[in-house]
PDB file of N, CA and C in Angstrom:
ATOM      1  N   MET A   1      -3.323  -4.157  -2.202  1.00  0.00           N
ATOM      2  CA  MET A   1      -1.961  -3.965  -2.596  1.00  0.00           C
ATOM      3  C   MET A   1      -1.191  -3.144  -2.264  1.00  0.00           C
ATOM      4  N   GLU A   2      -2.055  -1.932  -2.201  1.00  0.00           N
ATOM      5  CA  GLU A   2      -1.216  -0.714  -2.251  1.00  0.00           C
ATOM      6  C   GLU A   2      -1.013  -0.518  -0.275  1.00  0.00           C
ATOM      7  N   LEU A   3      -1.522  -0.572  -0.089  1.00  0.00           N
ATOM      8  CA  LEU A   3      -1.621  -1.447   2.417  1.00  0.00           C
ATOM      9  C   LEU A   3      -0.499  -1.812   1.921  1.00  0.00           C
ATOM     10  N   LYS A   4      -0.386  -2.844   2.024  1.00  0.00           N
ATOM     11  CA  LYS A   4       0.530  -4.168   2.357  1.00  0.00           C
ATOM     12  C   LYS A   4       2.215  -3.532   1.369  1.00  0.00           C
ATOM     13  N   PHE A   5       2.136  -2.872   0.989  1.00  0.00           N
ATOM     14  CA  PHE A   5       3.576  -2.245   0.430  1.00  0.00           C
ATOM     15  C   PHE A   5       4.202  -1.270   0.783  1.00  0.00           C
ATOM     16  N   ASN A   6       2.977  -0.512   1.423  1.00  0.00           N
ATOM     17  CA  ASN A   6       3.468   0.999   2.194  1.00  0.00           C
ATOM     18  C   ASN A   6       3.574   0.005   3.488  1.00  0.00           C
ATOM     19  N   THR A   7       2.801  -0.503   4.190  1.00  0.00           N
ATOM     20  CA  THR A   7       3.573  -1.106   5.481  1.00  0.00           C
ATOM     21  C   THR A   7       4.723  -1.815   5.730  1.00  0.00           C
ATOM     22  N   ALA A   8       4.847  -2.193   4.312  1.00  0.00           N
ATOM     23  CA  ALA A   8       6.310  -3.129   4.279  1.00  0.00           C
ATOM     24  C   ALA A   8       7.309  -2.611   3.823  1.00  0.00           C
ATOM     25  N   ILE A   9       7.291  -0.952   3.005  1.00  0.00           N
ATOM     26  CA  ILE A   9       8.237  -0.014   3.788  1.00  0.00           C
ATOM     27  C   ILE A   9       8.584   1.209   4.330  1.00  0.00           C
ATOM     28  N   SER A  10       7.882   0.810   4.933  1.00  0.00           N
ATOM     29  CA  SER A  10       7.538   2.475   5.997  1.00  0.00           C
ATOM     30  C   SER A  10       8.431   2.523   7.199  1.00  0.00           C
ATOM     31  N   LYS A  11       9.157   0.869   7.250  1.00  0.00           N
ATOM     32  CA  LYS A  11      10.097   0.702   8.845  1.00  0.00           C
ATOM     33  C   LYS A  11      11.796   1.416   7.975  1.00  0.00           C
ATOM     34  N   ASP A  12      11.395   1.931   6.780  1.00  0.00           N
ATOM     35  CA  ASP A  12      12.417   2.360   5.897  1.00  0.00           C
ATOM     36  C   ASP A  12      12.386   3.169   6.148  1.00  0.00           C
ATOM     37  N   ARG A  13      11.036   3.932   5.489  1.00  0.00           N
ATOM     38  CA  ARG A  13      11.231   5.555   4.082  1.00  0.00           C
ATOM     39  C   ARG A  13      10.871   6.634   5.547  1.00  0.00           C
ATOM     40  N   TYR A  14      10.077   5.703   6.876  1.00  0.00           N
ATOM     41  CA  TYR A  14      10.168   7.216   7.661  1.00  0.00           C
ATOM     42  C   TYR A  14      11.589   7.430   7.765  1.00  0.00           C
ATOM     43  N   LYS A  15      12.579   6.901   8.128  1.00  0.00           N
ATOM     44  CA  LYS A  15      14.294   7.348   8.317  1.00  0.00           C
ATOM     45  C   LYS A  15      14.686   8.782   7.253  1.00  0.00           C
ATOM     46  N   ILE A  16      14.220   8.346   5.856  1.00  0.00           N
ATOM     47  CA  ILE A  16      14.431   9.399   5.019  1.00  0.00           C
ATOM     48  C   ILE A  16      13.402  10.366   5.060  1.00  0.00           C
ATOM     49  N   GLU A  17      12.080  10.263   5.235  1.00  0.00           N
ATOM     50  CA  GLU A  17      11.040  11.585   5.194  1.00  0.00           C
ATOM     51  C   GLU A  17      11.209  12.110   6.130  1.00  0.00           C
ATOM     52  N   ARG A  18      11.930  11.818   7.681  1.00  0.00           N
ATOM     53  CA  ARG A  18      12.159  12.214   8.538  1.00  0.00           C
ATOM     54  C   ARG A  18      13.122  13.970   8.554  1.00  0.00           C
ATOM     55  N   THR A  19      14.217  12.905   7.445  1.00  0.00           N
ATOM     56  CA  THR A  19      15.539  13.708   6.572  1.00  0.00           C
ATOM     57  C   THR A  19      14.785  14.818   6.180  1.00  0.00           C
ATOM     58  N   PHE A  20      14.068  14.766   5.226  1.00  0.00           N
ATOM     59  CA  PHE A  20      13.607  15.824   4.199  1.00  0.00           C
ATOM     60  C   PHE A  20      12.438  16.443   4.809  1.00  0.00           C
ATOM     61  N   GLY A  21      11.634  15.955   5.561  1.00  0.00           N
ATOM     62  CA  GLY A  21      11.178  16.939   6.078  1.00  0.00           C
ATOM     63  C   GLY A  21      11.168  18.057   7.224  1.00  0.00           C
ATOM     64  N   SER A  22      12.597  17.736   8.308  1.00  0.00           N
ATOM     65  CA  SER A  22      13.527  18.708   8.930  1.00  0.00           C
ATOM     66  C   SER A  22      13.757  20.117   8.134  1.00  0.00           C
ATOM     67  N   MET A  23      14.277  19.061   6.977  1.00  0.00           N
ATOM     68  CA  MET A  23      15.111  20.203   5.702  1.00  0.00           C
ATOM     69  C   MET A  23      14.069  21.187   5.127  1.00  0.00           C
ATOM     70  N   LYS A  24      13.027  20.630   4.745  1.00  0.00           N
ATOM     71  CA  LYS A  24      12.138  21.691   4.624  1.00  0.00           C
ATOM     72  C   LYS A  24      11.583  22.374   5.763  1.00  0.00           C
ATOM     73  N   ARG A  25      11.696  22.181   6.395  1.00  0.00           N
ATOM     74  CA  ARG A  25      11.077  22.785   8.317  1.00  0.00           C
ATOM     75  C   ARG A  25      12.196  23.564   7.878  1.00  0.00           C
ATOM     76  N   TRP A  26      13.157  23.443   7.986  1.00  0.00           N
ATOM     77  CA  TRP A  26      14.159  24.326   8.913  1.00  0.00           C
ATOM     78  C   TRP A  26      15.154  25.292   8.220  1.00  0.00           C
ATOM     79  N   ALA A  27      15.128  24.227   6.741  1.00  0.00           N
ATOM     80  CA  ALA A  27      15.861  25.335   5.981  1.00  0.00           C
ATOM     81  C   ALA A  27      15.779  25.484   4.813  1.00  0.00           C
ATOM     82  N   GLY A  28      14.520  25.500   4.444  1.00  0.00           N
ATOM     83  CA  GLY A  28      13.235  25.642   3.544  1.00  0.00           C
ATOM     84  C   GLY A  28      13.599  25.294   2.084  1.00  0.00           C
ATOM     85  N   ALA A  29      14.395  24.132   2.354  1.00  0.00           N
ATOM     86  CA  ALA A  29      13.794  23.008   1.314  1.00  0.00           C
ATOM     87  C   ALA A  29      13.050  22.552   0.581  1.00  0.00           C
ATOM     88  N   GLY A  30      13.336  22.504  -0.700  1.00  0.00           N
ATOM     89  CA  GLY A  30      12.141  22.168  -1.879  1.00  0.00           C
ATOM     90  C   GLY A  30      11.603  23.259  -1.797  1.00  0.00           C
ATOM     91  N   ILE A  31      12.250  24.672  -2.562  1.00  0.00           N
ATOM     92  CA  ILE A  31      11.989  25.732  -3.135  1.00  0.00           C
ATOM     93  C   ILE A  31      13.124  25.429  -4.814  1.00  0.00           C
ATOM     94  N   ALA A  32      13.231  25.929  -5.244  1.00  0.00           N
ATOM     95  CA  ALA A  32      13.786  25.846  -6.210  1.00  0.00           C
ATOM     96  C   ALA A  32      14.316  27.107  -6.465  1.00  0.00           C
ATOM     97  N   ARG A  33      15.306  27.494  -6.472  1.00  0.00           N
ATOM     98  CA  ARG A  33      16.137  29.022  -6.457  1.00  0.00           C
ATOM     99  C   ARG A  33      16.430  28.986  -7.626  1.00  0.00           C
ATOM    100  N   TYR A  34      16.296  28.488  -8.648  1.00  0.00           N
ATOM    101  CA  TYR A  34      17.073  28.434  -9.786  1.00  0.00           C
ATOM    102  C   TYR A  34      16.931  27.543 -11.000  1.00  0.00           C
ATOM    103  N   LEU A  35      16.763  28.195 -11.789  1.00  0.00           N
ATOM    104  CA  LEU A  35      16.263  27.634 -13.378  1.00  0.00           C
ATOM    105  C   LEU A  35      17.369  26.560 -13.615  1.00  0.00           C
ATOM    106  N   GLY A  36      16.940  25.983 -14.443  1.00  0.00           N
ATOM    107  CA  GLY A  36      17.578  24.858 -14.753  1.00  0.00           C
ATOM    108  C   GLY A  36      18.408  23.514 -13.751  1.00  0.00           C
ATOM    109  N   LEU A  37      18.289  22.696 -14.626  1.00  0.00           N
ATOM    110  CA  LEU A  37      18.256  21.302 -13.389  1.00  0.00           C
ATOM    111  C   LEU A  37      19.405  20.840 -12.927  1.00  0.00           C
ATOM    112  N   THR A  38      20.608  21.307 -13.947  1.00  0.00           N
ATOM    113  CA  THR A  38      21.616  21.288 -13.353  1.00  0.00           C
ATOM    114  C   THR A  38      21.882  22.373 -11.771  1.00  0.00           C
ATOM    115  N   LYS A  39      21.323  23.289 -12.034  1.00  0.00           N
ATOM    116  CA  LYS A  39      21.790  24.924 -10.689  1.00  0.00           C
ATOM    117  C   LYS A  39      20.688  24.104  -9.891  1.00  0.00           C
ATOM    118  N   THR A  40      19.748  23.429  -9.978  1.00  0.00           N
ATOM    119  CA  THR A  40      18.990  23.383  -9.150  1.00  0.00           C
ATOM    120  C   THR A  40      19.368  21.685  -8.416  1.00  0.00           C
ATOM    121  N   HIS A  41      19.570  20.923  -9.476  1.00  0.00           N
ATOM    122  CA  HIS A  41      20.716  19.843  -8.223  1.00  0.00           C
ATOM    123  C   HIS A  41      21.747  19.903  -7.259  1.00  0.00           C
ATOM    124  N   THR A  42      22.197  21.359  -7.934  1.00  0.00           N
ATOM    125  CA  THR A  42      23.624  21.581  -7.249  1.00  0.00           C
ATOM    126  C   THR A  42      22.845  22.205  -6.013  1.00  0.00           C
ATOM    127  N   GLN A  43      21.926  23.181  -6.050  1.00  0.00           N
ATOM    128  CA  GLN A  43      21.191  23.608  -4.889  1.00  0.00           C
ATOM    129  C   GLN A  43      20.853  22.427  -3.514  1.00  0.00           C
ATOM    130  N   HIS A  44      19.944  21.690  -3.954  1.00  0.00           N
ATOM    131  CA  HIS A  44      20.100  20.329  -3.348  1.00  0.00           C
ATOM    132  C   HIS A  44      20.947  19.315  -2.777  1.00  0.00           C
ATOM    133  N   LEU A  45      21.870  19.561  -3.629  1.00  0.00           N
ATOM    134  CA  LEU A  45      23.495  18.617  -3.146  1.00  0.00           C
ATOM    135  C   LEU A  45      23.940  20.159  -1.931  1.00  0.00           C
ATOM    136  N   LEU A  46      24.084  20.524  -1.681  1.00  0.00           N
ATOM    137  CA  LEU A  46      24.074  21.674  -0.929  1.00  0.00           C
ATOM    138  C   LEU A  46      24.100  21.610  -0.166  1.00  0.00           C
ATOM    139  N   GLU A  47      22.172  21.524  -0.253  1.00  0.00           N
ATOM    140  CA  GLU A  47      21.168  21.592   1.274  1.00  0.00           C
ATOM    141  C   GLU A  47      21.114  20.778   2.046  1.00  0.00           C
ATOM    142  N   ALA A  48      21.540  19.332   1.041  1.00  0.00           N
ATOM    143  CA  ALA A  48      22.046  18.389   2.249  1.00  0.00           C
ATOM    144  C   ALA A  48      23.050  18.132   2.535  1.00  0.00           C
ATOM    145  N   MET A  49      24.207  18.880   2.118  1.00  0.00           N
ATOM    146  CA  MET A  49      25.304  18.800   3.155  1.00  0.00           C
ATOM    147  C   MET A  49      25.272  19.424   3.638  1.00  0.00           C
ATOM    148  N   THR A  50      25.036  20.685   4.148  1.00  0.00           N
ATOM    149  CA  THR A  50      24.424  21.537   5.023  1.00  0.00           C
ATOM    150  C   THR A  50      23.752  20.919   6.309  1.00  0.00           C
ATOM    151  N   ASN A  51      22.806  20.164   5.491  1.00  0.00           N
ATOM    152  CA  ASN A  51      21.704  19.548   6.404  1.00  0.00           C
ATOM    153  C   ASN A  51      22.781  18.658   7.388  1.00  0.00           C
ATOM    154  N   ASN A  52      24.243  17.798   6.865  1.00  0.00           N
ATOM    155  CA  ASN A  52      24.319  16.734   7.432  1.00  0.00           C
ATOM    156  C   ASN A  52      25.565  17.615   8.389  1.00  0.00           C
ATOM    157  N   LEU A  53      26.318  18.714   8.227  1.00  0.00           N
ATOM    158  CA  LEU A  53      27.447  19.146   9.076  1.00  0.00           C
ATOM    159  C   LEU A  53      26.628  19.757  10.496  1.00  0.00           C
ATOM    160  N   TYR A  54      25.361  20.589   9.941  1.00  0.00           N
ATOM    161  CA  TYR A  54      24.459  20.812  10.833  1.00  0.00           C
ATOM    162  C   TYR A  54      24.409  19.745  12.163  1.00  0.00           C
ATOM    163  N   LEU A  55      23.696  18.718  11.358  1.00  0.00           N
ATOM    164  CA  LEU A  55      23.415  17.630  12.547  1.00  0.00           C
ATOM    165  C   LEU A  55      24.433  16.411  12.937  1.00  0.00           C
ATOM    166  N   TYR A  56      25.371  16.569  11.890  1.00  0.00           N
ATOM    167  CA  TYR A  56      26.759  15.016  12.186  1.00  0.00           C
ATOM    168  C   TYR A  56      28.005  16.542  12.705  1.00  0.00           C
ATOM    169  N   ILE A  57      28.726  17.179  12.490  1.00  0.00           N
ATOM    170  CA  ILE A  57      29.471  17.815  12.470  1.00  0.00           C
ATOM    171  C   ILE A  57      29.556  19.123  13.528  1.00  0.00           C
ATOM    172  N   MET A  58      28.421  19.675  14.235  1.00  0.00           N
ATOM    173  CA  MET A  58      28.729  20.818  14.383  1.00  0.00           C
ATOM    174  C   MET A  58      28.290  20.254  16.000  1.00  0.00           C
ATOM    175  N   PRO A  59      27.438  19.813  16.643  1.00  0.00           N
ATOM    176  CA  PRO A  59      27.610  18.393  17.719  1.00  0.00           C
ATOM    177  C   PRO A  59      29.117  18.671  18.163  1.00  0.00           C
ATOM    178  N   SER A  60      29.442  17.955  17.711  1.00  0.00           N
ATOM    179  CA  SER A  60      30.756  17.663  18.043  1.00  0.00           C
ATOM    180  C   SER A  60      32.231  18.738  18.322  1.00  0.00           C
ATOM    181  N   LEU A  61      32.068  20.270  17.823  1.00  0.00           N
ATOM    182  CA  LEU A  61      32.733  20.812  17.619  1.00  0.00           C
ATOM    183  C   LEU A  61      31.982  21.476  18.849  1.00  0.00           C
ATOM    184  N   ALA A  62      30.906  21.504  18.763  1.00  0.00           N
ATOM    185  CA  ALA A  62      30.724  22.467  20.543  1.00  0.00           C
ATOM    186  C   ALA A  62      31.164  21.816  21.527  1.00  0.00           C
ATOM    187  N   VAL A  63      31.080  20.063  21.186  1.00  0.00           N
ATOM    188  CA  VAL A  63      31.950  19.958  22.775  1.00  0.00           C
ATOM    189  C   VAL A  63      33.245  19.807  22.680  1.00  0.00           C
ATOM    190  N   LEU A  64      33.714  20.000  21.733  1.00  0.00           N
ATOM    191  CA  LEU A  64      35.425  20.509  21.554  1.00  0.00           C
ATOM    192  C   LEU A  64      35.690  21.635  21.967  1.00  0.00           C
ATOM    193  N   ALA A  65      34.547  22.556  21.526  1.00  0.00           N
ATOM    194  CA  ALA A  65      34.969  24.102  21.947  1.00  0.00           C
ATOM    195  C   ALA A  65      34.375  24.514  23.267  1.00  0.00           C
ATOM    196  N   THR A  66      33.753  24.146  24.049  1.00  0.00           N
ATOM    197  CA  THR A  66      32.878  23.881  25.457  1.00  0.00           C
ATOM    198  C   THR A  66      34.724  22.852  26.187  1.00  0.00           C
ATOM    199  N   THR A  67      34.767  21.916  25.774  1.00  0.00           N
ATOM    200  CA  THR A  67      36.273  20.816  26.409  1.00  0.00           C
ATOM    201  C   THR A  67      37.360  21.830  26.830  1.00  0.00           C
ATOM    202  N   ARG A  68      37.926  22.671  25.495  1.00  0.00           N
ATOM    203  CA  ARG A  68      39.233  23.569  25.572  1.00  0.00           C
ATOM    204  C   ARG A  68      38.671  24.674  26.522  1.00  0.00           C
ATOM    205  N   LYS A  69      37.808  25.115  26.742  1.00  0.00           N
ATOM    206  CA  LYS A  69      37.261  26.473  27.210  1.00  0.00           C
ATOM    207  C   LYS A  69      37.540  26.097  28.655  1.00  0.00           C
ATOM    208  N   ASN A  70      37.231  25.020  29.091  1.00  0.00           N
ATOM    209  CA  ASN A  70      37.116  24.301  30.157  1.00  0.00           C
ATOM    210  C   ASN A  70      38.461  24.171  30.980  1.00  0.00           C
ATOM    211  N   LEU A  71      38.905  23.577  29.996  1.00  0.00           N
ATOM    212  CA  LEU A  71      40.520  23.506  29.831  1.00  0.00           C
ATOM    213  C   LEU A  71      41.725  24.458  30.190  1.00  0.00           C
ATOM    214  N   THR A  72      40.911  25.561  29.441  1.00  0.00           N
ATOM    215  CA  THR A  72      41.707  27.110  29.354  1.00  0.00           C
ATOM    216  C   THR A  72      42.244  27.720  30.838  1.00  0.00           C
ATOM    217  N   LYS A  73      40.458  27.289  31.589  1.00  0.00           N
ATOM    218  CA  LYS A  73      40.306  28.257  32.309  1.00  0.00           C
ATOM    219  C   LYS A  73      40.916  27.461  33.903  1.00  0.00           C
ATOM    220  N   GLY A  74      41.419  26.720  34.257  1.00  0.00           N
ATOM    221  CA  GLY A  74      41.848  26.035  35.333  1.00  0.00           C
ATOM    222  C   GLY A  74      43.788  25.124  34.862  1.00  0.00           C
TER     223      GLY A  74
END
């Protein structure tokens, strides 16, 4: 029963687990730095926001900066 359930949800689970794994590996997530549920929840939200900025916004900003740099050279 449990094996069938895990097989059924594994196609969706890996996407989420990969995100949490990279946050834990690279940003030190998974360690509560504050006491209290509200502060810890805020910490996790900020970690998720910075992860999204790093993964989705920063590459496009780097391309934009490189493009501007090349345009000003010529």
